Amino acid sequence: MKFCEREIEMAQKLHALNLQWHPQAGNYVFDIKGIIEKSSPFQTGVYFILDIKHFLRRAGSPEAIKASMCWLPVWEDCRTLLKSLGVSWSQVENRLIENSAFQNDSERVVLYEMILERLQ
């Protein structure tokens, strides 16, 4: 999985707005504070939580993981978040089309923008 710089920047803004998430296996995260010593197999600072115990050993608690890492929601996470924020599928679809997101490979950027708009 590859996240563009814009996605990582936007995820950090979501983190600053206290986006609620629960660290669990299957999450992608950006290590803000550098608590993971090993280099990332994806890109600098981006990790996949395969085993939550490994991250808990490094951070100490789920709250410490949330404080030192920002969640990088994937497509399904974004859709679930937007739905919980009252955004309809047709609103998402229209925004993706308006921004030519599929042609530009920027679907997550558009979804992150929509989440930010709802949280601000």
PDB file of N, CA and C in Angstrom:
ATOM      1  N   MET A   1       0.860  -1.171   0.000  1.00  0.00           N
ATOM      2  CA  MET A   1       0.000   0.000   0.000  1.00  0.00           C
ATOM      3  C   MET A   1       0.904   1.231   0.000  1.00  0.00           C
ATOM      4  N   LYS A   2       0.579   2.171  -0.821  1.00  0.00           N
ATOM      5  CA  LYS A   2       1.342   3.412  -0.921  1.00  0.00           C
ATOM      6  C   LYS A   2       0.413   4.578  -0.609  1.00  0.00           C
ATOM      7  N   PHE A   3       0.877   5.461   0.251  1.00  0.00           N
ATOM      8  CA  PHE A   3       0.146   6.672   0.596  1.00  0.00           C
ATOM      9  C   PHE A   3       0.949   7.857   0.082  1.00  0.00           C
ATOM     10  N   CYS A   4       0.279   8.775  -0.605  1.00  0.00           N
ATOM     11  CA  CYS A   4       0.977   9.961  -1.099  1.00  0.00           C
ATOM     12  C   CYS A   4       1.198  10.937   0.055  1.00  0.00           C
ATOM     13  N   GLU A   5       2.096  11.880  -0.151  1.00  0.00           N
ATOM     14  CA  GLU A   5       2.404  12.871   0.883  1.00  0.00           C
ATOM     15  C   GLU A   5       1.153  13.646   1.304  1.00  0.00           C
ATOM     16  N   ARG A   6       0.306  13.952   0.353  1.00  0.00           N
ATOM     17  CA  ARG A   6      -0.934  14.694   0.654  1.00  0.00           C
ATOM     18  C   ARG A   6      -1.819  13.881   1.601  1.00  0.00           C
ATOM     19  N   GLU A   7      -1.928  12.582   1.359  1.00  0.00           N
ATOM     20  CA  GLU A   7      -2.726  11.726   2.245  1.00  0.00           C
ATOM     21  C   GLU A   7      -2.144  11.715   3.656  1.00  0.00           C
ATOM     22  N   ILE A   8      -0.841  11.628   3.749  1.00  0.00           N
ATOM     23  CA  ILE A   8      -0.202  11.597   5.073  1.00  0.00           C
ATOM     24  C   ILE A   8      -0.405  12.936   5.785  1.00  0.00           C
ATOM     25  N   GLU A   9      -0.274  14.029   5.054  1.00  0.00           N
ATOM     26  CA  GLU A   9      -0.523  15.359   5.645  1.00  0.00           C
ATOM     27  C   GLU A   9      -1.960  15.478   6.131  1.00  0.00           C
ATOM     28  N   MET A  10      -2.888  15.032   5.312  1.00  0.00           N
ATOM     29  CA  MET A  10      -4.299  15.114   5.684  1.00  0.00           C
ATOM     30  C   MET A  10      -4.617  14.198   6.860  1.00  0.00           C
ATOM     31  N   ALA A  11      -4.010  13.020   6.896  1.00  0.00           N
ATOM     32  CA  ALA A  11      -4.213  12.109   8.022  1.00  0.00           C
ATOM     33  C   ALA A  11      -3.704  12.740   9.315  1.00  0.00           C
ATOM     34  N   GLN A  12      -2.610  13.494   9.227  1.00  0.00           N
ATOM     35  CA  GLN A  12      -2.103  14.183  10.408  1.00  0.00           C
ATOM     36  C   GLN A  12      -3.069  15.280  10.857  1.00  0.00           C
ATOM     37  N   LYS A  13      -3.744  15.923   9.914  1.00  0.00           N
ATOM     38  CA  LYS A  13      -4.766  16.907  10.279  1.00  0.00           C
ATOM     39  C   LYS A  13      -5.942  16.214  10.961  1.00  0.00           C
ATOM     40  N   LEU A  14      -6.338  15.051  10.441  1.00  0.00           N
ATOM     41  CA  LEU A  14      -7.398  14.277  11.089  1.00  0.00           C
ATOM     42  C   LEU A  14      -6.989  13.887  12.504  1.00  0.00           C
ATOM     43  N   HIS A  15      -5.734  13.503  12.650  1.00  0.00           N
ATOM     44  CA  HIS A  15      -5.193  13.142  13.964  1.00  0.00           C
ATOM     45  C   HIS A  15      -5.275  14.343  14.908  1.00  0.00           C
ATOM     46  N   ALA A  16      -4.897  15.529  14.413  1.00  0.00           N
ATOM     47  CA  ALA A  16      -4.938  16.749  15.224  1.00  0.00           C
ATOM     48  C   ALA A  16      -6.369  17.110  15.631  1.00  0.00           C
ATOM     49  N   LEU A  17      -7.343  16.715  14.812  1.00  0.00           N
ATOM     50  CA  LEU A  17      -8.752  16.945  15.127  1.00  0.00           C
ATOM     51  C   LEU A  17      -9.329  15.838  16.008  1.00  0.00           C
ATOM     52  N   ASN A  18      -8.450  14.953  16.482  1.00  0.00           N
ATOM     53  CA  ASN A  18      -8.837  13.841  17.366  1.00  0.00           C
ATOM     54  C   ASN A  18      -9.820  12.876  16.725  1.00  0.00           C
ATOM     55  N   LEU A  19      -9.567  12.538  15.467  1.00  0.00           N
ATOM     56  CA  LEU A  19     -10.376  11.512  14.812  1.00  0.00           C
ATOM     57  C   LEU A  19     -10.332  10.250  15.668  1.00  0.00           C
ATOM     58  N   GLN A  20     -11.491   9.745  16.003  1.00  0.00           N
ATOM     59  CA  GLN A  20     -11.568   8.568  16.854  1.00  0.00           C
ATOM     60  C   GLN A  20     -11.297   7.299  16.053  1.00  0.00           C
ATOM     61  N   TRP A  21     -10.389   6.485  16.560  1.00  0.00           N
ATOM     62  CA  TRP A  21     -10.093   5.185  15.970  1.00  0.00           C
ATOM     63  C   TRP A  21      -9.532   4.305  17.065  1.00  0.00           C
ATOM     64  N   HIS A  22      -9.597   3.023  16.835  1.00  0.00           N
ATOM     65  CA  HIS A  22      -9.111   2.050  17.804  1.00  0.00           C
ATOM     66  C   HIS A  22      -8.028   1.225  17.127  1.00  0.00           C
ATOM     67  N   PRO A  23      -6.764   1.396  17.549  1.00  0.00           N
ATOM     68  CA  PRO A  23      -5.674   0.637  16.919  1.00  0.00           C
ATOM     69  C   PRO A  23      -5.967  -0.855  16.928  1.00  0.00           C
ATOM     70  N   GLN A  24      -5.853  -1.443  15.753  1.00  0.00           N
ATOM     71  CA  GLN A  24      -6.121  -2.872  15.637  1.00  0.00           C
ATOM     72  C   GLN A  24      -5.398  -3.432  14.421  1.00  0.00           C
ATOM     73  N   ALA A  25      -5.275  -4.733  14.397  1.00  0.00           N
ATOM     74  CA  ALA A  25      -4.672  -5.401  13.242  1.00  0.00           C
ATOM     75  C   ALA A  25      -5.454  -5.006  12.001  1.00  0.00           C
ATOM     76  N   GLY A  26      -4.724  -4.713  10.932  1.00  0.00           N
ATOM     77  CA  GLY A  26      -5.349  -4.312   9.683  1.00  0.00           C
ATOM     78  C   GLY A  26      -5.281  -2.814   9.424  1.00  0.00           C
ATOM     79  N   ASN A  27      -4.869  -2.035  10.439  1.00  0.00           N
ATOM     80  CA  ASN A  27      -4.737  -0.588  10.265  1.00  0.00           C
ATOM     81  C   ASN A  27      -3.381  -0.235   9.678  1.00  0.00           C
ATOM     82  N   TYR A  28      -3.371   0.779   8.836  1.00  0.00           N
ATOM     83  CA  TYR A  28      -2.131   1.419   8.414  1.00  0.00           C
ATOM     84  C   TYR A  28      -1.971   2.648   9.278  1.00  0.00           C
ATOM     85  N   VAL A  29      -0.726   2.929   9.688  1.00  0.00           N
ATOM     86  CA  VAL A  29      -0.458   4.088  10.526  1.00  0.00           C
ATOM     87  C   VAL A  29       0.808   4.805  10.056  1.00  0.00           C
ATOM     88  N   PHE A  30       0.879   6.080  10.390  1.00  0.00           N
ATOM     89  CA  PHE A  30       2.082   6.860  10.160  1.00  0.00           C
ATOM     90  C   PHE A  30       2.678   7.149  11.526  1.00  0.00           C
ATOM     91  N   ASP A  31       3.923   6.747  11.718  1.00  0.00           N
ATOM     92  CA  ASP A  31       4.617   6.864  13.005  1.00  0.00           C
ATOM     93  C   ASP A  31       5.131   8.293  13.180  1.00  0.00           C
ATOM     94  N   ILE A  32       4.351   9.125  13.834  1.00  0.00           N
ATOM     95  CA  ILE A  32       4.682  10.540  14.017  1.00  0.00           C
ATOM     96  C   ILE A  32       5.928  10.714  14.887  1.00  0.00           C
ATOM     97  N   LYS A  33       5.991   9.944  15.957  1.00  0.00           N
ATOM     98  CA  LYS A  33       7.065  10.126  16.943  1.00  0.00           C
ATOM     99  C   LYS A  33       8.234   9.172  16.777  1.00  0.00           C
ATOM    100  N   GLY A  34       8.190   8.312  15.774  1.00  0.00           N
ATOM    101  CA  GLY A  34       9.312   7.410  15.516  1.00  0.00           C
ATOM    102  C   GLY A  34       9.526   6.350  16.568  1.00  0.00           C
ATOM    103  N   ILE A  35       8.446   5.752  17.063  1.00  0.00           N
ATOM    104  CA  ILE A  35       8.617   4.730  18.109  1.00  0.00           C
ATOM    105  C   ILE A  35       8.981   3.357  17.546  1.00  0.00           C
ATOM    106  N   ILE A  36       8.767   3.154  16.257  1.00  0.00           N
ATOM    107  CA  ILE A  36       9.131   1.874  15.639  1.00  0.00           C
ATOM    108  C   ILE A  36      10.537   2.011  15.068  1.00  0.00           C
ATOM    109  N   GLU A  37      11.441   1.193  15.571  1.00  0.00           N
ATOM    110  CA  GLU A  37      12.846   1.313  15.183  1.00  0.00           C
ATOM    111  C   GLU A  37      13.134   0.774  13.791  1.00  0.00           C
ATOM    112  N   LYS A  38      12.445  -0.282  13.414  1.00  0.00           N
ATOM    113  CA  LYS A  38      12.711  -0.904  12.106  1.00  0.00           C
ATOM    114  C   LYS A  38      12.212  -0.004  10.986  1.00  0.00           C
ATOM    115  N   SER A  39      12.932  -0.039   9.872  1.00  0.00           N
ATOM    116  CA  SER A  39      12.473   0.738   8.727  1.00  0.00           C
ATOM    117  C   SER A  39      11.205   0.105   8.158  1.00  0.00           C
ATOM    118  N   SER A  40      10.408   0.928   7.545  1.00  0.00           N
ATOM    119  CA  SER A  40       9.132   0.476   7.012  1.00  0.00           C
ATOM    120  C   SER A  40       9.314  -0.267   5.693  1.00  0.00           C
ATOM    121  N   PRO A  41       8.569  -1.339   5.496  1.00  0.00           N
ATOM    122  CA  PRO A  41       8.619  -2.028   4.203  1.00  0.00           C
ATOM    123  C   PRO A  41       7.790  -1.298   3.140  1.00  0.00           C
ATOM    124  N   PHE A  42       7.034  -0.300   3.542  1.00  0.00           N
ATOM    125  CA  PHE A  42       6.160   0.421   2.622  1.00  0.00           C
ATOM    126  C   PHE A  42       6.819   1.715   2.162  1.00  0.00           C
ATOM    127  N   GLN A  43       6.898   2.664   3.060  1.00  0.00           N
ATOM    128  CA  GLN A  43       7.552   3.940   2.803  1.00  0.00           C
ATOM    129  C   GLN A  43       7.910   4.508   4.169  1.00  0.00           C
ATOM    130  N   THR A  44       8.751   5.486   4.203  1.00  0.00           N
ATOM    131  CA  THR A  44       9.239   6.007   5.471  1.00  0.00           C
ATOM    132  C   THR A  44       8.085   6.379   6.398  1.00  0.00           C
ATOM    133  N   GLY A  45       8.086   5.762   7.574  1.00  0.00           N
ATOM    134  CA  GLY A  45       7.124   6.088   8.611  1.00  0.00           C
ATOM    135  C   GLY A  45       5.775   5.412   8.514  1.00  0.00           C
ATOM    136  N   VAL A  46       5.494   4.707   7.437  1.00  0.00           N
ATOM    137  CA  VAL A  46       4.195   4.056   7.260  1.00  0.00           C
ATOM    138  C   VAL A  46       4.307   2.581   7.628  1.00  0.00           C
ATOM    139  N   TYR A  47       3.413   2.145   8.509  1.00  0.00           N
ATOM    140  CA  TYR A  47       3.424   0.763   8.977  1.00  0.00           C
ATOM    141  C   TYR A  47       2.032   0.158   8.901  1.00  0.00           C
ATOM    142  N   PHE A  48       1.999  -1.150   8.763  1.00  0.00           N
ATOM    143  CA  PHE A  48       0.763  -1.921   8.782  1.00  0.00           C
ATOM    144  C   PHE A  48       0.733  -2.668  10.102  1.00  0.00           C
ATOM    145  N   ILE A  49      -0.348  -2.547  10.833  1.00  0.00           N
ATOM    146  CA  ILE A  49      -0.464  -3.271  12.102  1.00  0.00           C
ATOM    147  C   ILE A  49      -0.937  -4.689  11.792  1.00  0.00           C
ATOM    148  N   LEU A  50       0.019  -5.593  11.783  1.00  0.00           N
ATOM    149  CA  LEU A  50      -0.290  -7.001  11.568  1.00  0.00           C
ATOM    150  C   LEU A  50      -0.574  -7.662  12.914  1.00  0.00           C
ATOM    151  N   ASP A  51       0.246  -7.298  13.899  1.00  0.00           N
ATOM    152  CA  ASP A  51       0.110  -7.843  15.255  1.00  0.00           C
ATOM    153  C   ASP A  51       0.096  -6.670  16.218  1.00  0.00           C
ATOM    154  N   ILE A  52      -1.050  -6.373  16.785  1.00  0.00           N
ATOM    155  CA  ILE A  52      -1.194  -5.217  17.686  1.00  0.00           C
ATOM    156  C   ILE A  52      -0.258  -5.327  18.894  1.00  0.00           C
ATOM    157  N   LYS A  53       0.072  -6.550  19.303  1.00  0.00           N
ATOM    158  CA  LYS A  53       0.950  -6.740  20.465  1.00  0.00           C
ATOM    159  C   LYS A  53       2.316  -6.098  20.236  1.00  0.00           C
ATOM    160  N   HIS A  54       2.819  -6.176  19.019  1.00  0.00           N
ATOM    161  CA  HIS A  54       4.114  -5.569  18.687  1.00  0.00           C
ATOM    162  C   HIS A  54       4.054  -4.057  18.917  1.00  0.00           C
ATOM    163  N   PHE A  55       3.001  -3.420  18.483  1.00  0.00           N
ATOM    164  CA  PHE A  55       2.856  -1.976  18.650  1.00  0.00           C
ATOM    165  C   PHE A  55       2.612  -1.614  20.110  1.00  0.00           C
ATOM    166  N   LEU A  56       1.895  -2.457  20.828  1.00  0.00           N
ATOM    167  CA  LEU A  56       1.665  -2.224  22.250  1.00  0.00           C
ATOM    168  C   LEU A  56       2.972  -2.323  23.038  1.00  0.00           C
ATOM    169  N   ARG A  57       3.855  -3.245  22.642  1.00  0.00           N
ATOM    170  CA  ARG A  57       5.156  -3.351  23.320  1.00  0.00           C
ATOM    171  C   ARG A  57       5.961  -2.069  23.121  1.00  0.00           C
ATOM    172  N   ARG A  58       5.875  -1.476  21.946  1.00  0.00           N
ATOM    173  CA  ARG A  58       6.627  -0.253  21.645  1.00  0.00           C
ATOM    174  C   ARG A  58       6.008   0.970  22.314  1.00  0.00           C
ATOM    175  N   ALA A  59       4.680   1.059  22.281  1.00  0.00           N
ATOM    176  CA  ALA A  59       4.008   2.262  22.767  1.00  0.00           C
ATOM    177  C   ALA A  59       3.574   2.154  24.228  1.00  0.00           C
ATOM    178  N   GLY A  60       3.145   0.966  24.636  1.00  0.00           N
ATOM    179  CA  GLY A  60       2.727   0.775  26.019  1.00  0.00           C
ATOM    180  C   GLY A  60       1.231   0.592  26.208  1.00  0.00           C
ATOM    181  N   SER A  61       0.434   1.276  25.395  1.00  0.00           N
ATOM    182  CA  SER A  61      -1.022   1.175  25.527  1.00  0.00           C
ATOM    183  C   SER A  61      -1.679   1.631  24.227  1.00  0.00           C
ATOM    184  N   PRO A  62      -2.950   1.273  24.049  1.00  0.00           N
ATOM    185  CA  PRO A  62      -3.644   1.765  22.853  1.00  0.00           C
ATOM    186  C   PRO A  62      -3.671   3.297  22.784  1.00  0.00           C
ATOM    187  N   GLU A  63      -3.809   3.938  23.936  1.00  0.00           N
ATOM    188  CA  GLU A  63      -3.832   5.405  23.976  1.00  0.00           C
ATOM    189  C   GLU A  63      -2.488   5.982  23.530  1.00  0.00           C
ATOM    190  N   ALA A  64      -1.400   5.328  23.923  1.00  0.00           N
ATOM    191  CA  ALA A  64      -0.069   5.787  23.512  1.00  0.00           C
ATOM    192  C   ALA A  64       0.151   5.563  22.019  1.00  0.00           C
ATOM    193  N   ILE A  65      -0.406   4.485  21.478  1.00  0.00           N
ATOM    194  CA  ILE A  65      -0.326   4.271  20.026  1.00  0.00           C
ATOM    195  C   ILE A  65      -1.041   5.422  19.330  1.00  0.00           C
ATOM    196  N   LYS A  66      -2.243   5.744  19.794  1.00  0.00           N
ATOM    197  CA  LYS A  66      -3.023   6.814  19.171  1.00  0.00           C
ATOM    198  C   LYS A  66      -2.329   8.165  19.299  1.00  0.00           C
ATOM    199  N   ALA A  67      -1.598   8.369  20.374  1.00  0.00           N
ATOM    200  CA  ALA A  67      -0.900   9.643  20.571  1.00  0.00           C
ATOM    201  C   ALA A  67       0.347   9.762  19.694  1.00  0.00           C
ATOM    202  N   SER A  68       1.000   8.649  19.425  1.00  0.00           N
ATOM    203  CA  SER A  68       2.272   8.700  18.702  1.00  0.00           C
ATOM    204  C   SER A  68       2.160   8.332  17.227  1.00  0.00           C
ATOM    205  N   MET A  69       1.000   7.866  16.818  1.00  0.00           N
ATOM    206  CA  MET A  69       0.814   7.468  15.420  1.00  0.00           C
ATOM    207  C   MET A  69      -0.504   8.031  14.915  1.00  0.00           C
ATOM    208  N   CYS A  70      -0.524   8.334  13.635  1.00  0.00           N
ATOM    209  CA  CYS A  70      -1.811   8.730  13.070  1.00  0.00           C
ATOM    210  C   CYS A  70      -2.278   7.632  12.132  1.00  0.00           C
ATOM    211  N   TRP A  71      -3.548   7.403  12.193  1.00  0.00           N
ATOM    212  CA  TRP A  71      -4.211   6.373  11.408  1.00  0.00           C
ATOM    213  C   TRP A  71      -4.295   6.829   9.962  1.00  0.00           C
ATOM    214  N   LEU A  72      -4.028   5.919   9.050  1.00  0.00           N
ATOM    215  CA  LEU A  72      -4.161   6.159   7.617  1.00  0.00           C
ATOM    216  C   LEU A  72      -5.337   5.319   7.125  1.00  0.00           C
ATOM    217  N   PRO A  73      -6.538   5.876   7.169  1.00  0.00           N
ATOM    218  CA  PRO A  73      -7.704   5.089   6.758  1.00  0.00           C
ATOM    219  C   PRO A  73      -7.617   4.673   5.289  1.00  0.00           C
ATOM    220  N   VAL A  74      -8.007   3.456   5.012  1.00  0.00           N
ATOM    221  CA  VAL A  74      -8.084   2.968   3.636  1.00  0.00           C
ATOM    222  C   VAL A  74      -9.516   3.223   3.144  1.00  0.00           C
ATOM    223  N   TRP A  75      -9.772   2.866   1.893  1.00  0.00           N
ATOM    224  CA  TRP A  75     -11.058   3.154   1.258  1.00  0.00           C
ATOM    225  C   TRP A  75     -12.239   2.743   2.139  1.00  0.00           C
ATOM    226  N   GLU A  76     -12.265   1.518   2.579  1.00  0.00           N
ATOM    227  CA  GLU A  76     -13.395   1.018   3.373  1.00  0.00           C
ATOM    228  C   GLU A  76     -13.531   1.793   4.681  1.00  0.00           C
ATOM    229  N   ASP A  77     -12.405   2.106   5.324  1.00  0.00           N
ATOM    230  CA  ASP A  77     -12.449   2.902   6.551  1.00  0.00           C
ATOM    231  C   ASP A  77     -13.078   4.269   6.279  1.00  0.00           C
ATOM    232  N   CYS A  78     -12.670   4.886   5.172  1.00  0.00           N
ATOM    233  CA  CYS A  78     -13.200   6.212   4.810  1.00  0.00           C
ATOM    234  C   CYS A  78     -14.699   6.149   4.582  1.00  0.00           C
ATOM    235  N   ARG A  79     -15.148   5.150   3.869  1.00  0.00           N
ATOM    236  CA  ARG A  79     -16.588   5.023   3.600  1.00  0.00           C
ATOM    237  C   ARG A  79     -17.369   4.834   4.895  1.00  0.00           C
ATOM    238  N   THR A  80     -16.848   4.013   5.793  1.00  0.00           N
ATOM    239  CA  THR A  80     -17.509   3.794   7.080  1.00  0.00           C
ATOM    240  C   THR A  80     -17.552   5.089   7.886  1.00  0.00           C
ATOM    241  N   LEU A  81     -16.432   5.808   7.911  1.00  0.00           N
ATOM    242  CA  LEU A  81     -16.390   7.086   8.627  1.00  0.00           C
ATOM    243  C   LEU A  81     -17.381   8.085   8.047  1.00  0.00           C
ATOM    244  N   LEU A  82     -17.355   8.230   6.727  1.00  0.00           N
ATOM    245  CA  LEU A  82     -18.249   9.192   6.084  1.00  0.00           C
ATOM    246  C   LEU A  82     -19.712   8.839   6.338  1.00  0.00           C
ATOM    247  N   LYS A  83     -20.029   7.575   6.274  1.00  0.00           N
ATOM    248  CA  LYS A  83     -21.408   7.148   6.551  1.00  0.00           C
ATOM    249  C   LYS A  83     -21.794   7.520   7.978  1.00  0.00           C
ATOM    250  N   SER A  84     -20.884   7.276   8.936  1.00  0.00           N
ATOM    251  CA  SER A  84     -21.176   7.612  10.333  1.00  0.00           C
ATOM    252  C   SER A  84     -21.285   9.124  10.546  1.00  0.00           C
ATOM    253  N   LEU A  85     -20.692   9.907   9.636  1.00  0.00           N
ATOM    254  CA  LEU A  85     -20.763  11.362   9.712  1.00  0.00           C
ATOM    255  C   LEU A  85     -21.943  11.928   8.913  1.00  0.00           C
ATOM    256  N   GLY A  86     -22.778  11.024   8.396  1.00  0.00           N
ATOM    257  CA  GLY A  86     -23.984  11.445   7.699  1.00  0.00           C
ATOM    258  C   GLY A  86     -23.810  11.782   6.231  1.00  0.00           C
ATOM    259  N   VAL A  87     -22.716  11.334   5.634  1.00  0.00           N
ATOM    260  CA  VAL A  87     -22.463  11.592   4.221  1.00  0.00           C
ATOM    261  C   VAL A  87     -23.010  10.414   3.414  1.00  0.00           C
ATOM    262  N   SER A  88     -23.847  10.716   2.444  1.00  0.00           N
ATOM    263  CA  SER A  88     -24.459   9.655   1.644  1.00  0.00           C
ATOM    264  C   SER A  88     -23.508   9.173   0.563  1.00  0.00           C
ATOM    265  N   TRP A  89     -23.812   7.961   0.067  1.00  0.00           N
ATOM    266  CA  TRP A  89     -23.001   7.409  -1.023  1.00  0.00           C
ATOM    267  C   TRP A  89     -23.081   8.309  -2.242  1.00  0.00           C
ATOM    268  N   SER A  90     -24.229   8.900  -2.528  1.00  0.00           N
ATOM    269  CA  SER A  90     -24.345   9.756  -3.710  1.00  0.00           C
ATOM    270  C   SER A  90     -23.487  11.015  -3.563  1.00  0.00           C
ATOM    271  N   GLN A  91     -23.359  11.537  -2.348  1.00  0.00           N
ATOM    272  CA  GLN A  91     -22.468  12.681  -2.125  1.00  0.00           C
ATOM    273  C   GLN A  91     -21.008  12.295  -2.388  1.00  0.00           C
ATOM    274  N   VAL A  92     -20.631  11.125  -1.922  1.00  0.00           N
ATOM    275  CA  VAL A  92     -19.268  10.632  -2.142  1.00  0.00           C
ATOM    276  C   VAL A  92     -19.031  10.429  -3.631  1.00  0.00           C
ATOM    277  N   GLU A  93     -19.955   9.752  -4.260  1.00  0.00           N
ATOM    278  CA  GLU A  93     -19.838   9.474  -5.690  1.00  0.00           C
ATOM    279  C   GLU A  93     -19.714  10.769  -6.499  1.00  0.00           C
ATOM    280  N   ASN A  94     -20.572  11.743  -6.203  1.00  0.00           N
ATOM    281  CA  ASN A  94     -20.529  13.021  -6.924  1.00  0.00           C
ATOM    282  C   ASN A  94     -19.193  13.723  -6.749  1.00  0.00           C
ATOM    283  N   ARG A  95     -18.670  13.715  -5.527  1.00  0.00           N
ATOM    284  CA  ARG A  95     -17.396  14.390  -5.260  1.00  0.00           C
ATOM    285  C   ARG A  95     -16.256  13.699  -5.986  1.00  0.00           C
ATOM    286  N   LEU A  96     -16.265  12.379  -5.971  1.00  0.00           N
ATOM    287  CA  LEU A  96     -15.221  11.631  -6.680  1.00  0.00           C
ATOM    288  C   LEU A  96     -15.248  11.938  -8.176  1.00  0.00           C
ATOM    289  N   ILE A  97     -16.442  11.997  -8.735  1.00  0.00           N
ATOM    290  CA  ILE A  97     -16.583  12.293 -10.169  1.00  0.00           C
ATOM    291  C   ILE A  97     -16.163  13.734 -10.460  1.00  0.00           C
ATOM    292  N   GLU A  98     -16.623  14.687  -9.644  1.00  0.00           N
ATOM    293  CA  GLU A  98     -16.278  16.103  -9.837  1.00  0.00           C
ATOM    294  C   GLU A  98     -14.767  16.319  -9.842  1.00  0.00           C
ATOM    295  N   ASN A  99     -14.067  15.557  -9.035  1.00  0.00           N
ATOM    296  CA  ASN A  99     -12.618  15.713  -8.899  1.00  0.00           C
ATOM    297  C   ASN A  99     -11.823  14.775  -9.800  1.00  0.00           C
ATOM    298  N   SER A 100     -12.522  14.049 -10.669  1.00  0.00           N
ATOM    299  CA  SER A 100     -11.866  13.074 -11.546  1.00  0.00           C
ATOM    300  C   SER A 100     -10.917  12.177 -10.743  1.00  0.00           C
ATOM    301  N   ALA A 101     -11.381  11.797  -9.574  1.00  0.00           N
ATOM    302  CA  ALA A 101     -10.536  11.070  -8.627  1.00  0.00           C
ATOM    303  C   ALA A 101     -10.060   9.725  -9.166  1.00  0.00           C
ATOM    304  N   PHE A 102     -10.916   9.044  -9.898  1.00  0.00           N
ATOM    305  CA  PHE A 102     -10.512   7.743 -10.420  1.00  0.00           C
ATOM    306  C   PHE A 102      -9.447   7.883 -11.500  1.00  0.00           C
ATOM    307  N   GLN A 103      -9.599   8.873 -12.337  1.00  0.00           N
ATOM    308  CA  GLN A 103      -8.617   9.107 -13.394  1.00  0.00           C
ATOM    309  C   GLN A 103      -7.294   9.614 -12.821  1.00  0.00           C
ATOM    310  N   ASN A 104      -7.362  10.350 -11.723  1.00  0.00           N
ATOM    311  CA  ASN A 104      -6.163  10.943 -11.116  1.00  0.00           C
ATOM    312  C   ASN A 104      -5.565  10.090 -10.001  1.00  0.00           C
ATOM    313  N   ASP A 105      -6.147   8.925  -9.752  1.00  0.00           N
ATOM    314  CA  ASP A 105      -5.696   8.077  -8.634  1.00  0.00           C
ATOM    315  C   ASP A 105      -5.678   8.844  -7.318  1.00  0.00           C
ATOM    316  N   SER A 106      -6.719   9.617  -7.078  1.00  0.00           N
ATOM    317  CA  SER A 106      -6.759  10.443  -5.866  1.00  0.00           C
ATOM    318  C   SER A 106      -8.014  10.195  -5.039  1.00  0.00           C
ATOM    319  N   GLU A 107      -8.558   8.990  -5.115  1.00  0.00           N
ATOM    320  CA  GLU A 107      -9.789   8.710  -4.391  1.00  0.00           C
ATOM    321  C   GLU A 107      -9.656   8.960  -2.887  1.00  0.00           C
ATOM    322  N   ARG A 108      -8.586   8.447  -2.276  1.00  0.00           N
ATOM    323  CA  ARG A 108      -8.440   8.619  -0.825  1.00  0.00           C
ATOM    324  C   ARG A 108      -8.254  10.080  -0.463  1.00  0.00           C
ATOM    325  N   VAL A 109      -7.555  10.842  -1.301  1.00  0.00           N
ATOM    326  CA  VAL A 109      -7.385  12.272  -1.018  1.00  0.00           C
ATOM    327  C   VAL A 109      -8.758  12.930  -0.934  1.00  0.00           C
ATOM    328  N   VAL A 110      -9.622  12.641  -1.882  1.00  0.00           N
ATOM    329  CA  VAL A 110     -10.966  13.215  -1.888  1.00  0.00           C
ATOM    330  C   VAL A 110     -11.751  12.755  -0.663  1.00  0.00           C
ATOM    331  N   LEU A 111     -11.652  11.481  -0.330  1.00  0.00           N
ATOM    332  CA  LEU A 111     -12.360  10.966   0.842  1.00  0.00           C
ATOM    333  C   LEU A 111     -11.833  11.603   2.124  1.00  0.00           C
ATOM    334  N   TYR A 112     -10.514  11.755   2.246  1.00  0.00           N
ATOM    335  CA  TYR A 112      -9.931  12.412   3.414  1.00  0.00           C
ATOM    336  C   TYR A 112     -10.430  13.858   3.492  1.00  0.00           C
ATOM    337  N   GLU A 113     -10.501  14.549   2.354  1.00  0.00           N
ATOM    338  CA  GLU A 113     -11.006  15.925   2.333  1.00  0.00           C
ATOM    339  C   GLU A 113     -12.431  15.982   2.870  1.00  0.00           C
ATOM    340  N   MET A 114     -13.248  15.045   2.451  1.00  0.00           N
ATOM    341  CA  MET A 114     -14.639  15.019   2.908  1.00  0.00           C
ATOM    342  C   MET A 114     -14.728  14.773   4.406  1.00  0.00           C
ATOM    343  N   ILE A 115     -13.890  13.900   4.908  1.00  0.00           N
ATOM    344  CA  ILE A 115     -13.877  13.637   6.354  1.00  0.00           C
ATOM    345  C   ILE A 115     -13.431  14.899   7.097  1.00  0.00           C
ATOM    346  N   LEU A 116     -12.370  15.533   6.610  1.00  0.00           N
ATOM    347  CA  LEU A 116     -11.902  16.769   7.247  1.00  0.00           C
ATOM    348  C   LEU A 116     -12.989  17.832   7.273  1.00  0.00           C
ATOM    349  N   GLU A 117     -13.699  17.986   6.187  1.00  0.00           N
ATOM    350  CA  GLU A 117     -14.778  18.978   6.121  1.00  0.00           C
ATOM    351  C   GLU A 117     -15.819  18.715   7.192  1.00  0.00           C
ATOM    352  N   ARG A 118     -16.139  17.451   7.411  1.00  0.00           N
ATOM    353  CA  ARG A 118     -17.160  17.105   8.412  1.00  0.00           C
ATOM    354  C   ARG A 118     -16.662  17.304   9.843  1.00  0.00           C
ATOM    355  N   LEU A 119     -15.369  17.145  10.060  1.00  0.00           N
ATOM    356  CA  LEU A 119     -14.827  17.241  11.416  1.00  0.00           C
ATOM    357  C   LEU A 119     -14.458  18.661  11.822  1.00  0.00           C
ATOM    358  N   GLN A 120     -14.287  19.535  10.848  1.00  0.00           N
ATOM    359  CA  GLN A 120     -13.855  20.912  11.175  1.00  0.00           C
ATOM    360  C   GLN A 120     -15.032  21.780  11.557  1.00  0.00           C
TER     361      GLN A 120
END
